[in-house]
C-alpha atoms as a PDB file:
ATOM      1  CA  MET A   1      19.905  -5.873   2.756  1.00  0.00           C
ATOM      2  CA  ASN A   2      17.052  -3.999   1.112  1.00  0.00           C
ATOM      3  CA  ALA A   3      14.291  -3.933   3.729  1.00  0.00           C
ATOM      4  CA  THR A   4      11.461  -3.379   1.267  1.00  0.00           C
ATOM      5  CA  ASP A   5      12.330  -6.464  -0.768  1.00  0.00           C
ATOM      6  CA  SER A   6      13.251  -8.906   1.999  1.00  0.00           C
ATOM      7  CA  ASN A   7      10.614 -11.576   2.542  1.00  0.00           C
ATOM      8  CA  ALA A   8      12.293 -12.702   5.748  1.00  0.00           C
ATOM      9  CA  GLN A   9      12.173  -9.240   7.270  1.00  0.00           C
ATOM     10  CA  SER A  10       8.580  -8.635   6.156  1.00  0.00           C
ATOM     11  CA  ARG A  11       7.541 -11.567   8.375  1.00  0.00           C
ATOM     12  CA  ARG A  12       9.133  -9.912  11.423  1.00  0.00           C
ATOM     13  CA  ASN A  13       8.389  -6.337  10.415  1.00  0.00           C
ATOM     14  CA  TRP A  14       6.038  -4.450   8.100  1.00  0.00           C
ATOM     15  CA  PRO A  15       8.260  -2.007   6.220  1.00  0.00           C
ATOM     16  CA  THR A  16       6.026  -0.820   3.365  1.00  0.00           C
ATOM     17  CA  LEU A  17       2.509  -0.790   1.869  1.00  0.00           C
ATOM     18  CA  LEU A  18       0.873  -4.245   2.285  1.00  0.00           C
ATOM     19  CA  ALA A  19       4.048  -5.485   4.022  1.00  0.00           C
ATOM     20  CA  ASP A  20       6.303  -5.937   0.988  1.00  0.00           C
ATOM     21  CA  ASN A  21       6.914  -4.932  -2.601  1.00  0.00           C
ATOM     22  CA  ALA A  22       4.867  -7.855  -3.969  1.00  0.00           C
ATOM     23  CA  ARG A  23       1.792  -6.743  -1.905  1.00  0.00           C
ATOM     24  CA  THR A  24       1.457 -10.107  -0.155  1.00  0.00           C
ATOM     25  CA  GLY A  25      -0.198  -8.359   2.782  1.00  0.00           C
ATOM     26  CA  GLY A  26       1.920 -10.061   5.410  1.00  0.00           C
ATOM     27  CA  ASN A  27       1.113 -13.688   4.635  1.00  0.00           C
ATOM     28  CA  GLY A  28       3.231 -15.857   6.910  1.00  0.00           C
ATOM     29  CA  GLN A  29       1.988 -14.152  10.087  1.00  0.00           C
ATOM     30  CA  LEU A  30       0.208 -16.185  12.728  1.00  0.00           C
ATOM     31  CA  HIS A  31      -3.541 -16.783  12.697  1.00  0.00           C
ATOM     32  CA  THR A  32      -5.649 -13.758  13.437  1.00  0.00           C
ATOM     33  CA  ARG A  33      -8.133 -13.891  16.286  1.00  0.00           C
ATOM     34  CA  SER A  34     -10.833 -11.626  17.578  1.00  0.00           C
ATOM     35  CA  PRO A  35      -9.166  -8.844  19.589  1.00  0.00           C
ATOM     36  CA  GLU A  36     -10.423  -8.593  23.165  1.00  0.00           C
ATOM     37  CA  LYS A  37      -9.390  -5.040  23.990  1.00  0.00           C
ATOM     38  CA  ALA A  38      -7.432  -1.974  22.929  1.00  0.00           C
ATOM     39  CA  ALA A  39      -4.076  -2.193  24.678  1.00  0.00           C
ATOM     40  CA  TRP A  40      -3.523   1.479  23.903  1.00  0.00           C
ATOM     41  CA  GLN A  41      -4.891   4.331  21.842  1.00  0.00           C
ATOM     42  CA  PHE A  42      -2.881   7.214  20.366  1.00  0.00           C
ATOM     43  CA  ARG A  43      -4.434  10.448  19.125  1.00  0.00           C
ATOM     44  CA  ALA A  44      -2.784  12.044  16.077  1.00  0.00           C
ATOM     45  CA  ALA A  45      -3.218  15.694  15.115  1.00  0.00           C
ATOM     46  CA  SER A  46      -5.656  14.897  12.282  1.00  0.00           C
ATOM     47  CA  ALA A  47      -7.170  12.149  10.133  1.00  0.00           C
ATOM     48  CA  LEU A  48      -5.059   9.185   9.074  1.00  0.00           C
ATOM     49  CA  ARG A  49      -5.553   8.102   5.477  1.00  0.00           C
ATOM     50  CA  SER A  50      -2.289   6.293   4.796  1.00  0.00           C
ATOM     51  CA  SER A  51      -1.297   2.990   6.385  1.00  0.00           C
ATOM     52  CA  PRO A  52       1.111   2.546   9.290  1.00  0.00           C
ATOM     53  CA  ILE A  53       4.321   0.558   8.977  1.00  0.00           C
ATOM     54  CA  LEU A  54       6.085  -1.379  11.734  1.00  0.00           C
ATOM     55  CA  VAL A  55       9.839  -1.840  12.157  1.00  0.00           C
ATOM     56  CA  ASP A  56      11.688  -3.144  15.219  1.00  0.00           C
ATOM     57  CA  GLY A  57       8.922  -2.263  17.627  1.00  0.00           C
ATOM     58  CA  LEU A  58       8.188   1.207  16.254  1.00  0.00           C
ATOM     59  CA  LEU A  59       5.094   2.209  14.293  1.00  0.00           C
ATOM     60  CA  TYR A  60       5.554   4.968  11.717  1.00  0.00           C
ATOM     61  CA  VAL A  61       2.318   6.799  10.940  1.00  0.00           C
ATOM     62  CA  ALA A  62       1.587   9.828   8.725  1.00  0.00           C
ATOM     63  CA  SER A  63      -1.401  12.157   9.105  1.00  0.00           C
ATOM     64  CA  ASP A  64      -3.405  14.563   6.969  1.00  0.00           C
ATOM     65  CA  SER A  65      -1.895  17.486   8.859  1.00  0.00           C
ATOM     66  CA  GLY A  66       1.589  16.548   7.624  1.00  0.00           C
ATOM     67  CA  SER A  67       2.777  15.171  10.950  1.00  0.00           C
ATOM     68  CA  VAL A  68       4.712  11.887  10.852  1.00  0.00           C
ATOM     69  CA  TYR A  69       5.028   9.971  14.118  1.00  0.00           C
ATOM     70  CA  ALA A  70       7.251   7.196  15.450  1.00  0.00           C
ATOM     71  CA  ILE A  71       5.210   5.394  18.118  1.00  0.00           C
ATOM     72  CA  ASP A  72       6.381   2.717  20.534  1.00  0.00           C
ATOM     73  CA  ALA A  73       4.325  -0.318  19.522  1.00  0.00           C
ATOM     74  CA  VAL A  74       4.178  -1.668  23.096  1.00  0.00           C
ATOM     75  CA  ALA A  75       3.509   1.509  25.082  1.00  0.00           C
ATOM     76  CA  GLY A  76       1.702   3.645  22.491  1.00  0.00           C
ATOM     77  CA  VAL A  77       3.942   6.646  23.198  1.00  0.00           C
ATOM     78  CA  ALA A  78       5.402   8.884  20.484  1.00  0.00           C
ATOM     79  CA  LYS A  79       9.202   8.790  20.281  1.00  0.00           C
ATOM     80  CA  TRP A  80       9.365  11.675  17.819  1.00  0.00           C
ATOM     81  CA  LYS A  81       7.243  13.753  15.453  1.00  0.00           C
ATOM     82  CA  PHE A  82       8.214  15.371  12.141  1.00  0.00           C
ATOM     83  CA  ASP A  83       6.109  18.061  10.473  1.00  0.00           C
ATOM     84  CA  ALA A  84       6.229  18.033   6.666  1.00  0.00           C
ATOM     85  CA  GLY A  85       5.261  20.870   4.326  1.00  0.00           C
ATOM     86  CA  GLY A  86       1.803  19.588   3.413  1.00  0.00           C
ATOM     87  CA  GLN A  87      -0.747  16.840   3.944  1.00  0.00           C
ATOM     88  CA  VAL A  88       0.513  13.255   3.802  1.00  0.00           C
ATOM     89  CA  HIS A  89      -1.551  10.562   2.058  1.00  0.00           C
ATOM     90  CA  SER A  90       1.456   8.396   1.188  1.00  0.00           C
ATOM     91  CA  THR A  91       2.083   5.247   3.244  1.00  0.00           C
ATOM     92  CA  PRO A  92       5.655   5.459   4.604  1.00  0.00           C
ATOM     93  CA  SER A  93       8.262   2.871   3.678  1.00  0.00           C
ATOM     94  CA  LEU A  94      11.603   1.851   5.114  1.00  0.00           C
ATOM     95  CA  SER A  95      15.045   1.588   3.566  1.00  0.00           C
ATOM     96  CA  GLY A  96      17.823   0.728   5.973  1.00  0.00           C
ATOM     97  CA  ASP A  97      17.678   3.370   8.696  1.00  0.00           C
ATOM     98  CA  MET A  98      15.510   5.741   6.649  1.00  0.00           C
ATOM     99  CA  VAL A  99      11.756   6.314   6.669  1.00  0.00           C
ATOM    100  CA  LEU A 100      10.508   7.587   3.305  1.00  0.00           C
ATOM    101  CA  PHE A 101       7.168   9.204   2.491  1.00  0.00           C
ATOM    102  CA  GLY A 102       5.546  11.410  -0.133  1.00  0.00           C
ATOM    103  CA  CYS A 103       3.785  14.679   0.636  1.00  0.00           C
ATOM    104  CA  ASP A 104       1.208  16.986  -0.925  1.00  0.00           C
ATOM    105  CA  ASP A 105       3.940  19.646  -1.193  1.00  0.00           C
ATOM    106  CA  GLY A 106       5.322  17.570  -4.085  1.00  0.00           C
ATOM    107  CA  LYS A 107       8.293  16.173  -2.183  1.00  0.00           C
ATOM    108  CA  VAL A 108       9.502  12.813  -0.960  1.00  0.00           C
ATOM    109  CA  TYR A 109      11.203  13.040   2.422  1.00  0.00           C
ATOM    110  CA  ALA A 110      13.804  10.747   3.954  1.00  0.00           C
ATOM    111  CA  LEU A 111      14.026  10.785   7.766  1.00  0.00           C
ATOM    112  CA  ASP A 112      16.354   9.058  10.194  1.00  0.00           C
ATOM    113  CA  ARG A 113      14.070   6.406  11.648  1.00  0.00           C
ATOM    114  CA  TYR A 114      15.564   6.683  15.140  1.00  0.00           C
ATOM    115  CA  SER A 115      15.483  10.460  15.585  1.00  0.00           C
ATOM    116  CA  GLY A 116      13.076  11.810  12.945  1.00  0.00           C
ATOM    117  CA  LYS A 117      15.800  14.111  11.586  1.00  0.00           C
ATOM    118  CA  LYS A 118      15.395  14.978   7.900  1.00  0.00           C
ATOM    119  CA  LEU A 119      18.193  13.432   5.837  1.00  0.00           C
ATOM    120  CA  TRP A 120      17.108  14.673   2.401  1.00  0.00           C
ATOM    121  CA  GLU A 121      14.157  15.629   0.257  1.00  0.00           C
ATOM    122  CA  THR A 122      13.559  15.319  -3.461  1.00  0.00           C
ATOM    123  CA  ALA A 123      10.921  17.263  -5.380  1.00  0.00           C
ATOM    124  CA  SER A 124       8.324  16.596  -8.054  1.00  0.00           C
ATOM    125  CA  GLN A 125       5.942  19.199  -9.460  1.00  0.00           C
ATOM    126  CA  ASP A 126       2.727  18.081  -7.756  1.00  0.00           C
ATOM    127  CA  GLU A 127       1.400  16.071  -4.811  1.00  0.00           C
ATOM    128  CA  VAL A 128       2.875  12.634  -4.066  1.00  0.00           C
ATOM    129  CA  TRP A 129       0.349  10.067  -2.832  1.00  0.00           C
ATOM    130  CA  SER A 130       2.355   7.149  -4.190  1.00  0.00           C
ATOM    131  CA  SER A 131       4.462   5.297  -1.629  1.00  0.00           C
ATOM    132  CA  ALA A 132       8.195   5.210  -2.185  1.00  0.00           C
ATOM    133  CA  VAL A 133       9.544   1.825  -3.282  1.00  0.00           C
ATOM    134  CA  VAL A 134      13.243   1.047  -2.840  1.00  0.00           C
ATOM    135  CA  ARG A 135      15.152  -1.399  -5.000  1.00  0.00           C
ATOM    136  CA  ASP A 136      18.937  -1.804  -5.125  1.00  0.00           C
ATOM    137  CA  GLY A 137      19.637   1.598  -3.607  1.00  0.00           C
ATOM    138  CA  VAL A 138      17.150   3.523  -5.766  1.00  0.00           C
ATOM    139  CA  VAL A 139      13.863   5.120  -4.627  1.00  0.00           C
ATOM    140  CA  PHE A 140      10.953   5.000  -7.091  1.00  0.00           C
ATOM    141  CA  PHE A 141       7.711   6.963  -6.766  1.00  0.00           C
ATOM    142  CA  GLY A 142       4.931   8.483  -8.839  1.00  0.00           C
ATOM    143  CA  SER A 143       3.541  12.017  -8.679  1.00  0.00           C
ATOM    144  CA  ALA A 144       0.315  13.768  -9.639  1.00  0.00           C
ATOM    145  CA  ASP A 145       2.462  15.691 -12.154  1.00  0.00           C
ATOM    146  CA  GLY A 146       2.258  12.550 -14.327  1.00  0.00           C
ATOM    147  CA  LYS A 147       5.845  11.427 -13.847  1.00  0.00           C
ATOM    148  CA  VAL A 148       7.576   8.424 -12.328  1.00  0.00           C
ATOM    149  CA  TYR A 149      10.812   9.357 -10.562  1.00  0.00           C
ATOM    150  CA  ALA A 150      13.961   7.447  -9.652  1.00  0.00           C
ATOM    151  CA  ALA A 151      16.232   8.930  -6.979  1.00  0.00           C
ATOM    152  CA  ASP A 152      19.378   7.775  -5.208  1.00  0.00           C
ATOM    153  CA  ALA A 153      18.416   6.362  -1.803  1.00  0.00           C
ATOM    154  CA  GLU A 154      21.455   7.795  -0.056  1.00  0.00           C
ATOM    155  CA  SER A 155      21.270  11.377  -1.297  1.00  0.00           C
ATOM    156  CA  GLY A 156      17.855  11.897  -2.897  1.00  0.00           C
ATOM    157  CA  HIS A 157      19.566  12.988  -6.129  1.00  0.00           C
ATOM    158  CA  GLN A 158      17.240  12.251  -9.036  1.00  0.00           C
ATOM    159  CA  LYS A 159      18.538   9.718 -11.543  1.00  0.00           C
ATOM    160  CA  TRP A 160      15.687   9.903 -14.077  1.00  0.00           C
ATOM    161  CA  SER A 161      12.014  10.765 -14.513  1.00  0.00           C
ATOM    162  CA  LYS A 162       9.476   9.609 -17.071  1.00  0.00           C
ATOM    163  CA  ASP A 163       6.318  11.521 -18.028  1.00  0.00           C
ATOM    164  CA  LEU A 164       3.409   9.095 -18.522  1.00  0.00           C
ATOM    165  CA  GLY A 165       0.771  11.727 -19.236  1.00  0.00           C
ATOM    166  CA  GLY A 166      -1.612  11.308 -16.297  1.00  0.00           C
ATOM    167  CA  ARG A 167      -1.556  11.641 -12.515  1.00  0.00           C
ATOM    168  CA  ILE A 168       0.130   8.770 -10.684  1.00  0.00           C
ATOM    169  CA  TYR A 169      -1.283   7.806  -7.293  1.00  0.00           C
ATOM    170  CA  SER A 170      -0.439   4.136  -7.852  1.00  0.00           C
ATOM    171  CA  THR A 171       2.552   2.765  -5.933  1.00  0.00           C
ATOM    172  CA  PRO A 172       4.959   1.050  -8.362  1.00  0.00           C
ATOM    173  CA  TYR A 173       5.962  -2.586  -8.225  1.00  0.00           C
ATOM    174  CA  ALA A 174       9.742  -2.937  -8.627  1.00  0.00           C
ATOM    175  CA  SER A 175      11.432  -6.113  -9.856  1.00  0.00           C
ATOM    176  CA  GLU A 176      15.086  -6.590 -10.742  1.00  0.00           C
ATOM    177  CA  HIS A 177      14.701  -5.100 -14.218  1.00  0.00           C
ATOM    178  CA  THR A 178      11.271  -3.452 -14.443  1.00  0.00           C
ATOM    179  CA  LEU A 179       8.770  -1.157 -12.749  1.00  0.00           C
ATOM    180  CA  VAL A 180       5.027  -1.673 -13.145  1.00  0.00           C
ATOM    181  CA  VAL A 181       2.670   1.192 -12.312  1.00  0.00           C
ATOM    182  CA  GLY A 182      -0.879   2.371 -13.015  1.00  0.00           C
ATOM    183  CA  CYS A 183      -1.618   5.848 -14.368  1.00  0.00           C
ATOM    184  CA  GLY A 184      -4.506   8.297 -14.295  1.00  0.00           C
ATOM    185  CA  ASN A 185      -4.640   8.202 -18.099  1.00  0.00           C
ATOM    186  CA  GLY A 186      -6.073   4.683 -17.837  1.00  0.00           C
ATOM    187  CA  LYS A 187      -2.938   2.772 -18.802  1.00  0.00           C
ATOM    188  CA  ILE A 188      -0.722   0.265 -17.011  1.00  0.00           C
ATOM    189  CA  TYR A 189       2.972   0.669 -17.769  1.00  0.00           C
ATOM    190  CA  SER A 190       6.097  -1.428 -17.512  1.00  0.00           C
ATOM    191  CA  LEU A 191       9.265   0.680 -17.385  1.00  0.00           C
ATOM    192  CA  ALA A 192      12.937  -0.249 -17.545  1.00  0.00           C
ATOM    193  CA  ILE A 193      14.159   0.185 -13.983  1.00  0.00           C
ATOM    194  CA  GLY A 194      17.469   1.753 -15.005  1.00  0.00           C
ATOM    195  CA  SER A 195      16.192   4.370 -17.443  1.00  0.00           C
ATOM    196  CA  GLY A 196      12.393   4.713 -17.290  1.00  0.00           C
ATOM    197  CA  LYS A 197      12.027   3.564 -20.902  1.00  0.00           C
ATOM    198  CA  ILE A 198       8.515   2.252 -21.593  1.00  0.00           C
ATOM    199  CA  LEU A 199       8.691  -1.507 -22.249  1.00  0.00           C
ATOM    200  CA  TRP A 200       4.948  -2.019 -22.684  1.00  0.00           C
ATOM    201  CA  GLU A 201       1.669  -0.240 -21.964  1.00  0.00           C
ATOM    202  CA  THR A 202      -1.838  -1.669 -21.696  1.00  0.00           C
ATOM    203  CA  PRO A 203      -4.931   0.550 -21.813  1.00  0.00           C
ATOM    204  CA  THR A 204      -7.997   0.183 -19.614  1.00  0.00           C
ATOM    205  CA  GLY A 205     -11.236   2.124 -19.863  1.00  0.00           C
ATOM    206  CA  ASN A 206     -10.568   4.708 -17.130  1.00  0.00           C
ATOM    207  CA  GLY A 207      -7.982   6.067 -14.692  1.00  0.00           C
ATOM    208  CA  ILE A 208      -5.969   3.858 -12.353  1.00  0.00           C
ATOM    209  CA  ASP A 209      -5.194   4.651  -8.706  1.00  0.00           C
ATOM    210  CA  SER A 210      -4.832   1.007  -7.636  1.00  0.00           C
ATOM    211  CA  SER A 211      -1.317  -0.275  -6.969  1.00  0.00           C
ATOM    212  CA  PRO A 212      -0.205  -3.413  -8.810  1.00  0.00           C
ATOM    213  CA  ALA A 213       0.509  -6.776  -7.218  1.00  0.00           C
ATOM    214  CA  VAL A 214       2.654  -9.328  -9.027  1.00  0.00           C
ATOM    215  CA  ALA A 215       2.346 -13.113  -8.640  1.00  0.00           C
ATOM    216  CA  ASP A 216       2.920 -16.093 -10.951  1.00  0.00           C
ATOM    217  CA  LYS A 217       4.175 -13.726 -13.681  1.00  0.00           C
ATOM    218  CA  LEU A 218       0.870 -11.865 -13.592  1.00  0.00           C
ATOM    219  CA  VAL A 219       0.268  -8.195 -12.808  1.00  0.00           C
ATOM    220  CA  LEU A 220      -2.995  -7.711 -10.888  1.00  0.00           C
ATOM    221  CA  ILE A 221      -4.443  -4.204 -10.752  1.00  0.00           C
ATOM    222  CA  GLY A 222      -7.815  -2.468 -10.559  1.00  0.00           C
ATOM    223  CA  SER A 223      -9.186   0.310 -12.761  1.00  0.00           C
ATOM    224  CA  GLU A 224     -11.929   2.911 -12.433  1.00  0.00           C
ATOM    225  CA  ASP A 225     -13.512   1.234 -15.483  1.00  0.00           C
ATOM    226  CA  PHE A 226     -14.958  -1.315 -12.945  1.00  0.00           C
ATOM    227  CA  PHE A 227     -12.546  -4.131 -13.944  1.00  0.00           C
ATOM    228  CA  ILE A 228      -9.806  -6.009 -12.131  1.00  0.00           C
ATOM    229  CA  TYR A 229      -7.077  -6.961 -14.634  1.00  0.00           C
ATOM    230  CA  ALA A 230      -4.491  -9.712 -14.749  1.00  0.00           C
ATOM    231  CA  LEU A 231      -1.716  -8.977 -17.264  1.00  0.00           C
ATOM    232  CA  ASP A 232       1.311 -10.918 -18.433  1.00  0.00           C
ATOM    233  CA  VAL A 233       4.224  -9.270 -16.614  1.00  0.00           C
ATOM    234  CA  ASP A 234       6.519  -9.693 -19.633  1.00  0.00           C
ATOM    235  CA  ASN A 235       4.368  -8.148 -22.374  1.00  0.00           C
ATOM    236  CA  GLY A 236       1.244  -6.632 -20.797  1.00  0.00           C
ATOM    237  CA  GLU A 237      -1.218  -8.950 -22.528  1.00  0.00           C
ATOM    238  CA  VAL A 238      -4.542  -9.294 -20.677  1.00  0.00           C
ATOM    239  CA  ARG A 239      -4.790 -12.856 -19.322  1.00  0.00           C
ATOM    240  CA  TRP A 240      -8.125 -12.289 -17.625  1.00  0.00           C
ATOM    241  CA  LYS A 241     -10.334  -9.491 -16.335  1.00  0.00           C
ATOM    242  CA  PHE A 242     -13.396  -9.385 -14.140  1.00  0.00           C
ATOM    243  CA  GLU A 243     -16.077  -6.689 -13.973  1.00  0.00           C
ATOM    244  CA  THR A 244     -17.307  -5.410 -10.621  1.00  0.00           C
ATOM    245  CA  GLY A 245     -20.162  -2.997  -9.999  1.00  0.00           C
ATOM    246  CA  LEU A 246     -18.121   0.229  -9.762  1.00  0.00           C
ATOM    247  CA  GLY A 247     -14.575   1.548 -10.020  1.00  0.00           C
ATOM    248  CA  ILE A 248     -11.654  -0.038  -8.214  1.00  0.00           C
ATOM    249  CA  ALA A 249      -9.235   2.133  -6.245  1.00  0.00           C
ATOM    250  CA  SER A 250      -8.337  -0.683  -3.838  1.00  0.00           C
ATOM    251  CA  SER A 251      -4.996  -2.396  -4.375  1.00  0.00           C
ATOM    252  CA  PRO A 252      -5.025  -6.204  -4.680  1.00  0.00           C
ATOM    253  CA  ALA A 253      -3.451  -8.421  -2.040  1.00  0.00           C
ATOM    254  CA  VAL A 254      -2.080 -11.803  -3.125  1.00  0.00           C
ATOM    255  CA  SER A 255      -1.191 -14.992  -1.257  1.00  0.00           C
ATOM    256  CA  GLY A 256      -0.493 -18.161  -3.206  1.00  0.00           C
ATOM    257  CA  ASP A 257      -3.408 -18.634  -5.580  1.00  0.00           C
ATOM    258  CA  LEU A 258      -5.705 -16.239  -3.705  1.00  0.00           C
ATOM    259  CA  ALA A 259      -6.107 -12.631  -4.829  1.00  0.00           C
ATOM    260  CA  VAL A 260      -8.414 -10.239  -2.967  1.00  0.00           C
ATOM    261  CA  VAL A 261      -9.547  -6.756  -4.041  1.00  0.00           C
ATOM    262  CA  GLY A 262     -12.246  -4.303  -3.003  1.00  0.00           C
ATOM    263  CA  SER A 263     -14.583  -2.281  -5.252  1.00  0.00           C
ATOM    264  CA  LYS A 264     -16.482   0.973  -4.823  1.00  0.00           C
ATOM    265  CA  ASP A 265     -19.618  -1.136  -5.289  1.00  0.00           C
ATOM    266  CA  GLY A 266     -19.174  -2.054  -1.602  1.00  0.00           C
ATOM    267  CA  HIS A 267     -18.006  -5.634  -2.167  1.00  0.00           C
ATOM    268  CA  LEU A 268     -14.777  -7.494  -1.538  1.00  0.00           C
ATOM    269  CA  TYR A 269     -13.882 -10.017  -4.252  1.00  0.00           C
ATOM    270  CA  ALA A 270     -11.672 -13.105  -4.011  1.00  0.00           C
ATOM    271  CA  PHE A 271     -10.249 -14.749  -7.142  1.00  0.00           C
ATOM    272  CA  GLU A 272      -8.111 -17.646  -8.239  1.00  0.00           C
ATOM    273  CA  THR A 273      -4.971 -15.697  -9.108  1.00  0.00           C
ATOM    274  CA  ARG A 274      -4.080 -17.626 -12.265  1.00  0.00           C
ATOM    275  CA  THR A 275      -7.527 -18.025 -13.817  1.00  0.00           C
ATOM    276  CA  GLY A 276      -9.625 -15.132 -12.483  1.00  0.00           C
ATOM    277  CA  GLN A 277     -12.314 -17.567 -11.335  1.00  0.00           C
ATOM    278  CA  LEU A 278     -14.389 -15.904  -8.616  1.00  0.00           C
ATOM    279  CA  ARG A 279     -14.098 -17.738  -5.305  1.00  0.00           C
ATOM    280  CA  TRP A 280     -16.449 -15.486  -3.412  1.00  0.00           C
ATOM    281  CA  LYS A 281     -17.654 -11.936  -2.958  1.00  0.00           C
ATOM    282  CA  ILE A 282     -19.102 -10.300   0.119  1.00  0.00           C
ATOM    283  CA  GLU A 283     -20.798  -6.958   0.721  1.00  0.00           C
ATOM    284  CA  LEU A 284     -19.035  -4.951   3.425  1.00  0.00           C
ATOM    285  CA  ALA A 285     -19.846  -1.254   3.095  1.00  0.00           C
ATOM    286  CA  GLU A 286     -21.190   1.370   0.723  1.00  0.00           C
ATOM    287  CA  VAL A 287     -17.712   1.845  -0.773  1.00  0.00           C
ATOM    288  CA  VAL A 288     -14.553  -0.254  -0.395  1.00  0.00           C
ATOM    289  CA  THR A 289     -11.373   1.601  -1.354  1.00  0.00           C
ATOM    290  CA  ALA A 290      -8.836   0.343   1.202  1.00  0.00           C
ATOM    291  CA  PRO A 291      -6.686  -2.667   0.294  1.00  0.00           C
ATOM    292  CA  ALA A 292      -7.276  -5.968   2.054  1.00  0.00           C
ATOM    293  CA  LEU A 293      -4.500  -8.032   3.570  1.00  0.00           C
ATOM    294  CA  ILE A 294      -4.172 -11.795   3.732  1.00  0.00           C
ATOM    295  CA  ALA A 295      -2.886 -13.320   6.961  1.00  0.00           C
ATOM    296  CA  ASP A 296      -2.769 -17.010   7.828  1.00  0.00           C
ATOM    297  CA  GLY A 297      -6.365 -17.980   8.455  1.00  0.00           C
ATOM    298  CA  ALA A 298      -8.041 -14.671   7.627  1.00  0.00           C
ATOM    299  CA  VAL A 299      -8.510 -11.824   5.172  1.00  0.00           C
ATOM    300  CA  CYS A 300      -8.530  -8.476   7.013  1.00  0.00           C
ATOM    301  CA  ILE A 301      -9.872  -5.171   5.715  1.00  0.00           C
ATOM    302  CA  GLN A 302     -10.978  -1.782   7.011  1.00  0.00           C
ATOM    303  CA  ALA A 303     -14.387  -0.942   5.530  1.00  0.00           C
ATOM    304  CA  GLY A 304     -16.726   0.847   7.928  1.00  0.00           C
ATOM    305  CA  GLY A 305     -14.876  -1.000  10.684  1.00  0.00           C
ATOM    306  CA  LEU A 306     -12.289  -3.761  10.859  1.00  0.00           C
ATOM    307  CA  PHE A 307     -13.290  -7.139   9.412  1.00  0.00           C
ATOM    308  CA  ALA A 308     -11.651 -10.555   9.540  1.00  0.00           C
ATOM    309  CA  LEU A 309     -13.033 -12.918   6.896  1.00  0.00           C
ATOM    310  CA  ASP A 310     -12.609 -16.607   6.184  1.00  0.00           C
ATOM    311  CA  PRO A 311     -10.341 -16.799   3.088  1.00  0.00           C
ATOM    312  CA  ASN A 312     -12.180 -19.900   1.858  1.00  0.00           C
ATOM    313  CA  ASN A 313     -15.681 -18.433   1.664  1.00  0.00           C
ATOM    314  CA  GLY A 314     -15.618 -14.783   2.777  1.00  0.00           C
ATOM    315  CA  LYS A 315     -17.728 -15.380   5.892  1.00  0.00           C
ATOM    316  CA  THR A 316     -17.117 -12.917   8.716  1.00  0.00           C
ATOM    317  CA  LEU A 317     -14.940 -14.397  11.469  1.00  0.00           C
ATOM    318  CA  TRP A 318     -15.158 -11.265  13.586  1.00  0.00           C
ATOM    319  CA  ARG A 319     -15.674  -7.532  13.323  1.00  0.00           C
ATOM    320  CA  ALA A 320     -14.402  -4.606  15.383  1.00  0.00           C
ATOM    321  CA  ALA A 321     -16.571  -1.491  15.083  1.00  0.00           C
ATOM    322  CA  LEU A 322     -13.668   0.961  14.715  1.00  0.00           C
ATOM    323  CA  GLY A 323     -11.051   1.942  12.180  1.00  0.00           C
ATOM    324  CA  ALA A 324     -13.160   3.729   9.566  1.00  0.00           C
ATOM    325  CA  SER A 325     -10.819   4.085   6.592  1.00  0.00           C
ATOM    326  CA  ILE A 326     -10.448   5.304   3.044  1.00  0.00           C
ATOM    327  CA  GLN A 327      -7.143   3.695   2.170  1.00  0.00           C
ATOM    328  CA  SER A 328      -5.481   2.478   5.373  1.00  0.00           C
ATOM    329  CA  VAL A 329      -4.442  -1.141   5.940  1.00  0.00           C
ATOM    330  CA  PRO A 330      -4.164  -2.734   9.401  1.00  0.00           C
ATOM    331  CA  ILE A 331      -0.978  -4.457  10.543  1.00  0.00           C
ATOM    332  CA  VAL A 332      -1.408  -8.011  11.868  1.00  0.00           C
ATOM    333  CA  THR A 333       1.414  -9.372  14.049  1.00  0.00           C
ATOM    334  CA  ARG A 334       1.988 -12.150  16.553  1.00  0.00           C
ATOM    335  CA  ASP A 335       1.105  -9.855  19.436  1.00  0.00           C
ATOM    336  CA  ALA A 336      -1.346  -7.244  18.195  1.00  0.00           C
ATOM    337  CA  ILE A 337      -3.373  -5.713  15.367  1.00  0.00           C
ATOM    338  CA  TYR A 338      -2.521  -2.075  14.709  1.00  0.00           C
ATOM    339  CA  VAL A 339      -5.220   0.093  13.147  1.00  0.00           C
ATOM    340  CA  ALA A 340      -5.129   3.725  11.943  1.00  0.00           C
ATOM    341  CA  SER A 341      -8.438   5.531  11.556  1.00  0.00           C
ATOM    342  CA  LEU A 342      -9.934   8.488   9.714  1.00  0.00           C
ATOM    343  CA  SER A 343     -10.819   9.865  13.148  1.00  0.00           C
ATOM    344  CA  GLY A 344      -7.100  10.322  13.840  1.00  0.00           C
ATOM    345  CA  GLU A 345      -6.826   7.440  16.292  1.00  0.00           C
ATOM    346  CA  ILE A 346      -4.244   4.661  16.222  1.00  0.00           C
ATOM    347  CA  TYR A 347      -5.185   1.511  18.135  1.00  0.00           C
ATOM    348  CA  ALA A 348      -3.247  -1.525  19.321  1.00  0.00           C
ATOM    349  CA  LEU A 349      -5.763  -4.354  19.603  1.00  0.00           C
ATOM    350  CA  ARG A 350      -4.952  -7.489  21.532  1.00  0.00           C
END
């Protein structure tokens, strides 16, 4: 079973950015509630920009210093630590018994998730902020060198690469036949998953760091040109777009007909996925760059603290004054909310 693509496993675990390849943000979890206390607090070596993942009771967290930790989700104790060759901004992902992550040294690493032992590494020519996405035994990732790479998940041997002409911080969406990814040259691309051949490309007015979500045959993605776009997944035609007040680095989260995305204008926006009709917007902070997630009964986001919002109207259900973040996403489970912070702290809130 491919852990990244399994909806069943994503409800028990949280194996990749926004819980699964479709960026649903963990919908299907139980209702969120206001946390009463921090059950534990773990101090990493430096700031945490990427998001944690959760698999079988272990949190995997990467830090700016290049340290990657496996932390017992109940006790808050590190089981192992791996030191990579540069800073890590990439959210880890899981494939089988491997933890994968990109690094500023230009490499993607594969570690044994039980021991932290390095299994393989594969290199690009510049920093890798994109998260690795695994589909049918192949690892896909983008690099600041402007290329999308495909590598064998067992060995790390590269199968193909495609130069798109601009830095790629966007994490690809992988379907059975295609990859969709945003590029720093301002275009959204669909690539053939087996070869990297460009199937379609759609320009926007500025660079794209946002990662695409796919729902109802629509690709949702933000651009630094201030717009959120919804494109036809088959041909790239723009079905709708909506202008916010500043650029969008936040990645959309989707659940049913609700799509949520943050903007650098400080607001979080909620849309009807199919039509682009604005349901609500709410001001949260000076800048919102982290993705939101949609749990049953709440939209959660880190923006100058941790917020839980009513998905129907955006009203604040509760707020925890911790978890300052640039791009990290909390994990919401039956038992706890796990939060990684720019201060280098990881919290388990209950």
